[in-house]
Amino acid sequence: MVTGGLKYVLRAEGFALFLTAVLVYQLLDGNWWMFAALILVPDISFLGYLLSPKIGAIGYNAMHSTISPLLLAGVGWWIDQDATMHILRDLCGFTALIWLAHIGFDRAVGYGLKYASGFKNTHLGVIGKA
């Protein structure tokens, strides 16, 4: 787990990701009803903790890593090569921005990627009071 000042740099980085994703969403005229409907979808991954801490951590990390939304944005860009696919391109791009905003917010408030030892153990430190 990261400690000291570096932890705050990583949390500030999360806030920057959140803020950038929201601002780009606004600049691209994203639908705020869609934003509200999808912003918490990545948290469905918490259900993995009903099976075990290891499965929960794998599911959480899969949904809270920036890799997947960036790949989704890439799919949207690739789809844009076909001028008839604008709706699907927009769906991919806006969903990726919402997903990145979620991840950034979580990191900003201290919810890092999880270790298999338990939900509270993250790369940004232990969640909650010691």
N, C-alpha and C. Protein backbone atom coordinates (compact mmCIF):
# COMPACT_ATOMS: atom_id res chain seq x y z
N MET A 1 0.83 -1.18 0.00
CA MET A 1 0.00 0.00 0.00
C MET A 1 0.88 1.24 0.00
N VAL A 2 0.46 2.19 -0.75
CA VAL A 2 1.20 3.44 -0.83
C VAL A 2 0.96 4.26 0.44
N THR A 3 1.98 4.98 0.86
CA THR A 3 1.87 5.78 2.08
C THR A 3 2.42 7.18 1.84
N GLY A 4 2.26 8.03 2.84
CA GLY A 4 2.83 9.37 2.79
C GLY A 4 2.23 10.25 1.71
N GLY A 5 3.06 11.19 1.27
CA GLY A 5 2.62 12.17 0.29
C GLY A 5 2.20 11.56 -1.04
N LEU A 6 2.79 10.44 -1.40
CA LEU A 6 2.45 9.80 -2.68
C LEU A 6 0.98 9.39 -2.72
N LYS A 7 0.44 9.00 -1.57
CA LYS A 7 -0.98 8.64 -1.51
C LYS A 7 -1.84 9.83 -1.92
N TYR A 8 -1.47 11.02 -1.51
CA TYR A 8 -2.24 12.21 -1.84
C TYR A 8 -2.07 12.61 -3.30
N VAL A 9 -0.90 12.34 -3.85
CA VAL A 9 -0.69 12.58 -5.28
C VAL A 9 -1.62 11.67 -6.09
N LEU A 10 -1.70 10.40 -5.70
CA LEU A 10 -2.57 9.46 -6.41
C LEU A 10 -4.05 9.83 -6.25
N ARG A 11 -4.42 10.32 -5.09
CA ARG A 11 -5.82 10.75 -4.90
C ARG A 11 -6.10 12.01 -5.71
N ALA A 12 -5.14 12.93 -5.79
CA ALA A 12 -5.31 14.13 -6.62
C ALA A 12 -5.40 13.73 -8.10
N GLU A 13 -4.63 12.74 -8.48
CA GLU A 13 -4.70 12.22 -9.84
C GLU A 13 -6.09 11.67 -10.13
N GLY A 14 -6.67 10.99 -9.16
CA GLY A 14 -8.04 10.49 -9.30
C GLY A 14 -9.03 11.63 -9.48
N PHE A 15 -8.86 12.70 -8.70
CA PHE A 15 -9.75 13.86 -8.83
C PHE A 15 -9.59 14.49 -10.21
N ALA A 16 -8.36 14.56 -10.70
CA ALA A 16 -8.11 15.12 -12.03
C ALA A 16 -8.79 14.27 -13.10
N LEU A 17 -8.74 12.95 -12.95
CA LEU A 17 -9.42 12.06 -13.89
C LEU A 17 -10.92 12.30 -13.85
N PHE A 18 -11.49 12.38 -12.66
CA PHE A 18 -12.92 12.64 -12.51
C PHE A 18 -13.30 13.96 -13.18
N LEU A 19 -12.59 15.02 -12.83
CA LEU A 19 -12.90 16.35 -13.34
C LEU A 19 -12.76 16.40 -14.86
N THR A 20 -11.71 15.82 -15.40
CA THR A 20 -11.50 15.82 -16.85
C THR A 20 -12.60 15.06 -17.57
N ALA A 21 -12.96 13.88 -17.06
CA ALA A 21 -14.02 13.09 -17.69
C ALA A 21 -15.35 13.84 -17.68
N VAL A 22 -15.68 14.49 -16.57
CA VAL A 22 -16.93 15.24 -16.48
C VAL A 22 -16.90 16.44 -17.42
N LEU A 23 -15.80 17.16 -17.47
CA LEU A 23 -15.70 18.33 -18.35
C LEU A 23 -15.79 17.94 -19.82
N VAL A 24 -15.11 16.87 -20.21
CA VAL A 24 -15.19 16.41 -21.60
C VAL A 24 -16.61 15.95 -21.91
N TYR A 25 -17.24 15.27 -20.98
CA TYR A 25 -18.63 14.84 -21.15
C TYR A 25 -19.52 16.06 -21.41
N GLN A 26 -19.32 17.12 -20.63
CA GLN A 26 -20.08 18.36 -20.80
C GLN A 26 -19.79 19.00 -22.16
N LEU A 27 -18.50 19.09 -22.51
CA LEU A 27 -18.12 19.71 -23.78
C LEU A 27 -18.69 18.97 -24.99
N LEU A 28 -18.84 17.65 -24.86
CA LEU A 28 -19.39 16.85 -25.95
C LEU A 28 -20.92 16.75 -25.89
N ASP A 29 -21.51 17.54 -24.99
CA ASP A 29 -22.97 17.57 -24.83
C ASP A 29 -23.54 16.20 -24.47
N GLY A 30 -22.89 15.53 -23.52
CA GLY A 30 -23.41 14.25 -23.04
C GLY A 30 -24.75 14.42 -22.36
N ASN A 31 -25.53 13.37 -22.39
CA ASN A 31 -26.85 13.36 -21.77
C ASN A 31 -26.69 13.11 -20.27
N TRP A 32 -27.12 14.06 -19.45
CA TRP A 32 -26.92 13.95 -18.00
C TRP A 32 -27.83 12.91 -17.37
N TRP A 33 -28.92 12.57 -18.01
CA TRP A 33 -29.74 11.45 -17.52
C TRP A 33 -28.99 10.14 -17.70
N MET A 34 -28.28 10.01 -18.82
CA MET A 34 -27.45 8.83 -19.05
C MET A 34 -26.33 8.77 -18.01
N PHE A 35 -25.73 9.92 -17.74
CA PHE A 35 -24.67 9.99 -16.73
C PHE A 35 -25.19 9.50 -15.38
N ALA A 36 -26.34 10.03 -14.98
CA ALA A 36 -26.93 9.64 -13.69
C ALA A 36 -27.27 8.15 -13.65
N ALA A 37 -27.74 7.62 -14.76
CA ALA A 37 -28.14 6.21 -14.81
C ALA A 37 -26.95 5.26 -14.76
N LEU A 38 -25.79 5.70 -15.29
CA LEU A 38 -24.65 4.78 -15.41
C LEU A 38 -23.52 5.01 -14.41
N ILE A 39 -23.52 6.11 -13.70
CA ILE A 39 -22.36 6.46 -12.86
C ILE A 39 -22.05 5.41 -11.80
N LEU A 40 -23.04 4.70 -11.29
CA LEU A 40 -22.77 3.71 -10.24
C LEU A 40 -22.71 2.27 -10.75
N VAL A 41 -22.87 2.07 -12.04
CA VAL A 41 -22.88 0.71 -12.60
C VAL A 41 -21.61 -0.09 -12.25
N PRO A 42 -20.40 0.52 -12.27
CA PRO A 42 -19.22 -0.27 -11.91
C PRO A 42 -19.28 -0.89 -10.51
N ASP A 43 -20.10 -0.31 -9.63
CA ASP A 43 -20.17 -0.84 -8.27
C ASP A 43 -20.95 -2.15 -8.18
N ILE A 44 -21.55 -2.58 -9.26
CA ILE A 44 -22.18 -3.91 -9.29
C ILE A 44 -21.12 -4.97 -9.00
N SER A 45 -19.87 -4.64 -9.29
CA SER A 45 -18.78 -5.58 -9.05
C SER A 45 -18.64 -5.95 -7.57
N PHE A 46 -19.23 -5.16 -6.67
CA PHE A 46 -19.20 -5.50 -5.25
C PHE A 46 -19.84 -6.87 -4.98
N LEU A 47 -20.73 -7.28 -5.85
CA LEU A 47 -21.42 -8.56 -5.64
C LEU A 47 -20.45 -9.74 -5.57
N GLY A 48 -19.29 -9.61 -6.18
CA GLY A 48 -18.29 -10.67 -6.11
C GLY A 48 -17.84 -10.96 -4.68
N TYR A 49 -17.96 -9.97 -3.81
CA TYR A 49 -17.58 -10.18 -2.41
C TYR A 49 -18.53 -11.12 -1.68
N LEU A 50 -19.71 -11.35 -2.25
CA LEU A 50 -20.62 -12.33 -1.66
C LEU A 50 -20.06 -13.75 -1.81
N LEU A 51 -19.21 -13.95 -2.81
CA LEU A 51 -18.61 -15.27 -3.03
C LEU A 51 -17.32 -15.44 -2.24
N SER A 52 -16.44 -14.44 -2.31
CA SER A 52 -15.20 -14.49 -1.55
C SER A 52 -14.45 -13.17 -1.73
N PRO A 53 -13.54 -12.86 -0.80
CA PRO A 53 -12.75 -11.64 -0.96
C PRO A 53 -11.90 -11.66 -2.23
N LYS A 54 -11.39 -12.81 -2.60
CA LYS A 54 -10.55 -12.91 -3.81
C LYS A 54 -11.37 -12.62 -5.06
N ILE A 55 -12.54 -13.25 -5.19
CA ILE A 55 -13.40 -13.01 -6.35
C ILE A 55 -13.90 -11.57 -6.35
N GLY A 56 -14.23 -11.06 -5.17
CA GLY A 56 -14.65 -9.67 -5.07
C GLY A 56 -13.57 -8.70 -5.54
N ALA A 57 -12.33 -8.95 -5.13
CA ALA A 57 -11.22 -8.09 -5.53
C ALA A 57 -10.99 -8.16 -7.04
N ILE A 58 -11.07 -9.35 -7.61
CA ILE A 58 -10.89 -9.50 -9.06
C ILE A 58 -11.97 -8.73 -9.81
N GLY A 59 -13.21 -8.90 -9.39
CA GLY A 59 -14.32 -8.20 -10.04
C GLY A 59 -14.22 -6.69 -9.88
N TYR A 60 -13.94 -6.26 -8.65
CA TYR A 60 -13.82 -4.82 -8.39
C TYR A 60 -12.70 -4.22 -9.23
N ASN A 61 -11.54 -4.86 -9.22
CA ASN A 61 -10.40 -4.32 -9.95
C ASN A 61 -10.65 -4.31 -11.46
N ALA A 62 -11.37 -5.31 -11.97
CA ALA A 62 -11.69 -5.33 -13.40
C ALA A 62 -12.56 -4.14 -13.78
N MET A 63 -13.47 -3.78 -12.88
CA MET A 63 -14.39 -2.68 -13.18
C MET A 63 -13.87 -1.31 -12.74
N HIS A 64 -12.77 -1.28 -12.00
CA HIS A 64 -12.25 -0.02 -11.48
C HIS A 64 -10.83 0.27 -11.93
N SER A 65 -10.41 -0.40 -12.96
CA SER A 65 -9.14 -0.10 -13.61
C SER A 65 -9.45 0.75 -14.83
N THR A 66 -8.59 1.67 -15.18
CA THR A 66 -8.85 2.54 -16.34
C THR A 66 -8.70 1.80 -17.67
N ILE A 67 -8.17 0.60 -17.66
CA ILE A 67 -7.93 -0.14 -18.90
C ILE A 67 -9.22 -0.37 -19.67
N SER A 68 -10.24 -0.89 -19.01
CA SER A 68 -11.48 -1.24 -19.71
C SER A 68 -12.19 -0.04 -20.33
N PRO A 69 -12.40 1.07 -19.60
CA PRO A 69 -13.05 2.21 -20.26
C PRO A 69 -12.21 2.81 -21.38
N LEU A 70 -10.89 2.76 -21.26
CA LEU A 70 -10.06 3.26 -22.35
C LEU A 70 -10.17 2.36 -23.58
N LEU A 71 -10.27 1.05 -23.36
CA LEU A 71 -10.50 0.15 -24.50
C LEU A 71 -11.86 0.42 -25.14
N LEU A 72 -12.88 0.66 -24.30
CA LEU A 72 -14.21 0.98 -24.82
C LEU A 72 -14.17 2.26 -25.64
N ALA A 73 -13.45 3.27 -25.17
CA ALA A 73 -13.30 4.51 -25.94
C ALA A 73 -12.60 4.24 -27.26
N GLY A 74 -11.61 3.35 -27.24
CA GLY A 74 -10.93 2.96 -28.48
C GLY A 74 -11.85 2.28 -29.46
N VAL A 75 -12.73 1.43 -28.95
CA VAL A 75 -13.73 0.79 -29.81
C VAL A 75 -14.62 1.85 -30.44
N GLY A 76 -15.03 2.84 -29.66
CA GLY A 76 -15.84 3.93 -30.18
C GLY A 76 -15.13 4.69 -31.27
N TRP A 77 -13.84 4.95 -31.08
CA TRP A 77 -13.06 5.65 -32.10
C TRP A 77 -12.97 4.80 -33.36
N TRP A 78 -12.73 3.50 -33.20
CA TRP A 78 -12.61 2.60 -34.34
C TRP A 78 -13.94 2.52 -35.10
N ILE A 79 -15.04 2.46 -34.36
CA ILE A 79 -16.36 2.41 -34.99
C ILE A 79 -16.61 3.68 -35.80
N ASP A 80 -16.05 4.78 -35.36
CA ASP A 80 -16.27 6.06 -36.05
C ASP A 80 -15.69 6.05 -37.46
N GLN A 81 -14.87 5.08 -37.78
CA GLN A 81 -14.34 4.99 -39.14
C GLN A 81 -15.45 4.74 -40.15
N ASP A 82 -16.55 4.17 -39.68
CA ASP A 82 -17.73 3.94 -40.52
C ASP A 82 -18.74 5.05 -40.19
N ALA A 83 -18.96 5.94 -41.12
CA ALA A 83 -19.78 7.12 -40.87
C ALA A 83 -21.22 6.80 -40.48
N THR A 84 -21.67 5.57 -40.69
CA THR A 84 -23.05 5.22 -40.35
C THR A 84 -23.20 4.76 -38.90
N MET A 85 -22.13 4.72 -38.15
CA MET A 85 -22.15 4.14 -36.80
C MET A 85 -22.03 5.20 -35.70
N HIS A 86 -22.44 6.43 -35.96
CA HIS A 86 -22.27 7.51 -34.98
C HIS A 86 -22.96 7.24 -33.65
N ILE A 87 -24.13 6.64 -33.67
CA ILE A 87 -24.85 6.39 -32.41
C ILE A 87 -24.07 5.42 -31.54
N LEU A 88 -23.55 4.34 -32.13
CA LEU A 88 -22.77 3.37 -31.37
C LEU A 88 -21.45 3.99 -30.90
N ARG A 89 -20.84 4.81 -31.75
CA ARG A 89 -19.61 5.50 -31.36
C ARG A 89 -19.87 6.38 -30.14
N ASP A 90 -20.96 7.15 -30.19
CA ASP A 90 -21.29 8.03 -29.07
C ASP A 90 -21.58 7.24 -27.81
N LEU A 91 -22.29 6.13 -27.94
CA LEU A 91 -22.60 5.30 -26.78
C LEU A 91 -21.31 4.80 -26.13
N CYS A 92 -20.38 4.32 -26.93
CA CYS A 92 -19.09 3.85 -26.39
C CYS A 92 -18.33 4.99 -25.73
N GLY A 93 -18.24 6.12 -26.41
CA GLY A 93 -17.47 7.25 -25.89
C GLY A 93 -18.05 7.83 -24.61
N PHE A 94 -19.36 8.05 -24.60
CA PHE A 94 -19.99 8.62 -23.41
C PHE A 94 -19.96 7.64 -22.24
N THR A 95 -20.16 6.35 -22.52
CA THR A 95 -20.09 5.35 -21.46
C THR A 95 -18.68 5.29 -20.88
N ALA A 96 -17.67 5.37 -21.74
CA ALA A 96 -16.28 5.36 -21.28
C ALA A 96 -16.00 6.57 -20.39
N LEU A 97 -16.50 7.74 -20.77
CA LEU A 97 -16.29 8.94 -19.95
C LEU A 97 -16.96 8.83 -18.59
N ILE A 98 -18.18 8.29 -18.56
CA ILE A 98 -18.88 8.10 -17.29
C ILE A 98 -18.11 7.11 -16.41
N TRP A 99 -17.64 6.05 -17.01
CA TRP A 99 -16.89 5.02 -16.30
C TRP A 99 -15.60 5.62 -15.73
N LEU A 100 -14.89 6.41 -16.53
CA LEU A 100 -13.66 7.05 -16.06
C LEU A 100 -13.96 8.04 -14.93
N ALA A 101 -15.08 8.76 -15.03
CA ALA A 101 -15.47 9.67 -13.96
C ALA A 101 -15.69 8.90 -12.66
N HIS A 102 -16.35 7.75 -12.76
CA HIS A 102 -16.59 6.91 -11.57
C HIS A 102 -15.26 6.49 -10.94
N ILE A 103 -14.37 5.99 -11.76
CA ILE A 103 -13.07 5.52 -11.26
C ILE A 103 -12.31 6.69 -10.62
N GLY A 104 -12.30 7.83 -11.29
CA GLY A 104 -11.60 8.99 -10.75
C GLY A 104 -12.16 9.43 -9.41
N PHE A 105 -13.49 9.45 -9.30
CA PHE A 105 -14.11 9.85 -8.03
C PHE A 105 -13.73 8.87 -6.92
N ASP A 106 -13.83 7.57 -7.22
CA ASP A 106 -13.47 6.57 -6.21
C ASP A 106 -12.04 6.77 -5.73
N ARG A 107 -11.12 6.98 -6.66
CA ARG A 107 -9.72 7.16 -6.28
C ARG A 107 -9.53 8.44 -5.48
N ALA A 108 -10.25 9.49 -5.86
CA ALA A 108 -10.12 10.77 -5.16
C ALA A 108 -10.53 10.66 -3.70
N VAL A 109 -11.53 9.83 -3.41
CA VAL A 109 -11.99 9.70 -2.02
C VAL A 109 -11.30 8.54 -1.29
N GLY A 110 -10.34 7.90 -1.95
CA GLY A 110 -9.53 6.90 -1.28
C GLY A 110 -9.86 5.45 -1.54
N TYR A 111 -10.78 5.18 -2.45
CA TYR A 111 -11.10 3.80 -2.80
C TYR A 111 -10.16 3.35 -3.91
N GLY A 112 -9.15 2.63 -3.53
CA GLY A 112 -8.19 2.15 -4.50
C GLY A 112 -8.52 0.76 -4.99
N LEU A 113 -7.64 0.25 -5.83
CA LEU A 113 -7.77 -1.13 -6.30
C LEU A 113 -7.59 -2.06 -5.10
N LYS A 114 -8.33 -3.16 -5.11
CA LYS A 114 -8.43 -4.02 -3.93
C LYS A 114 -7.40 -5.16 -3.94
N TYR A 115 -6.99 -5.50 -2.73
CA TYR A 115 -6.20 -6.71 -2.51
C TYR A 115 -7.16 -7.83 -2.13
N ALA A 116 -6.77 -9.06 -2.40
CA ALA A 116 -7.62 -10.22 -2.11
C ALA A 116 -7.78 -10.47 -0.61
N SER A 117 -7.01 -9.80 0.21
CA SER A 117 -7.10 -10.00 1.66
C SER A 117 -8.35 -9.38 2.28
N GLY A 118 -9.05 -8.54 1.54
CA GLY A 118 -10.28 -7.96 2.07
C GLY A 118 -10.63 -6.65 1.40
N PHE A 119 -11.90 -6.30 1.44
CA PHE A 119 -12.41 -5.12 0.76
C PHE A 119 -11.71 -3.83 1.20
N LYS A 120 -11.39 -3.72 2.47
CA LYS A 120 -10.82 -2.48 2.99
C LYS A 120 -9.36 -2.29 2.63
N ASN A 121 -8.69 -3.33 2.12
CA ASN A 121 -7.27 -3.24 1.80
C ASN A 121 -7.08 -2.85 0.34
N THR A 122 -6.60 -1.61 0.13
CA THR A 122 -6.47 -1.09 -1.23
C THR A 122 -5.06 -0.58 -1.47
N HIS A 123 -4.77 -0.32 -2.74
CA HIS A 123 -3.44 0.22 -3.07
C HIS A 123 -3.27 1.64 -2.53
N LEU A 124 -4.37 2.29 -2.14
CA LEU A 124 -4.28 3.63 -1.56
C LEU A 124 -4.31 3.60 -0.03
N GLY A 125 -4.24 2.41 0.54
CA GLY A 125 -4.28 2.27 2.00
C GLY A 125 -5.55 1.60 2.44
N VAL A 126 -5.68 1.48 3.75
CA VAL A 126 -6.84 0.83 4.33
C VAL A 126 -8.00 1.82 4.37
N ILE A 127 -9.19 1.37 3.93
CA ILE A 127 -10.38 2.21 3.95
C ILE A 127 -10.94 2.26 5.36
N GLY A 128 -11.33 3.43 5.80
CA GLY A 128 -11.94 3.58 7.12
C GLY A 128 -10.93 3.86 8.20
N LYS A 129 -11.43 3.92 9.42
CA LYS A 129 -10.57 4.23 10.56
C LYS A 129 -9.78 3.00 10.97
N ALA A 130 -8.57 3.24 11.40
CA ALA A 130 -7.69 2.13 11.81
C ALA A 130 -8.15 1.54 13.13
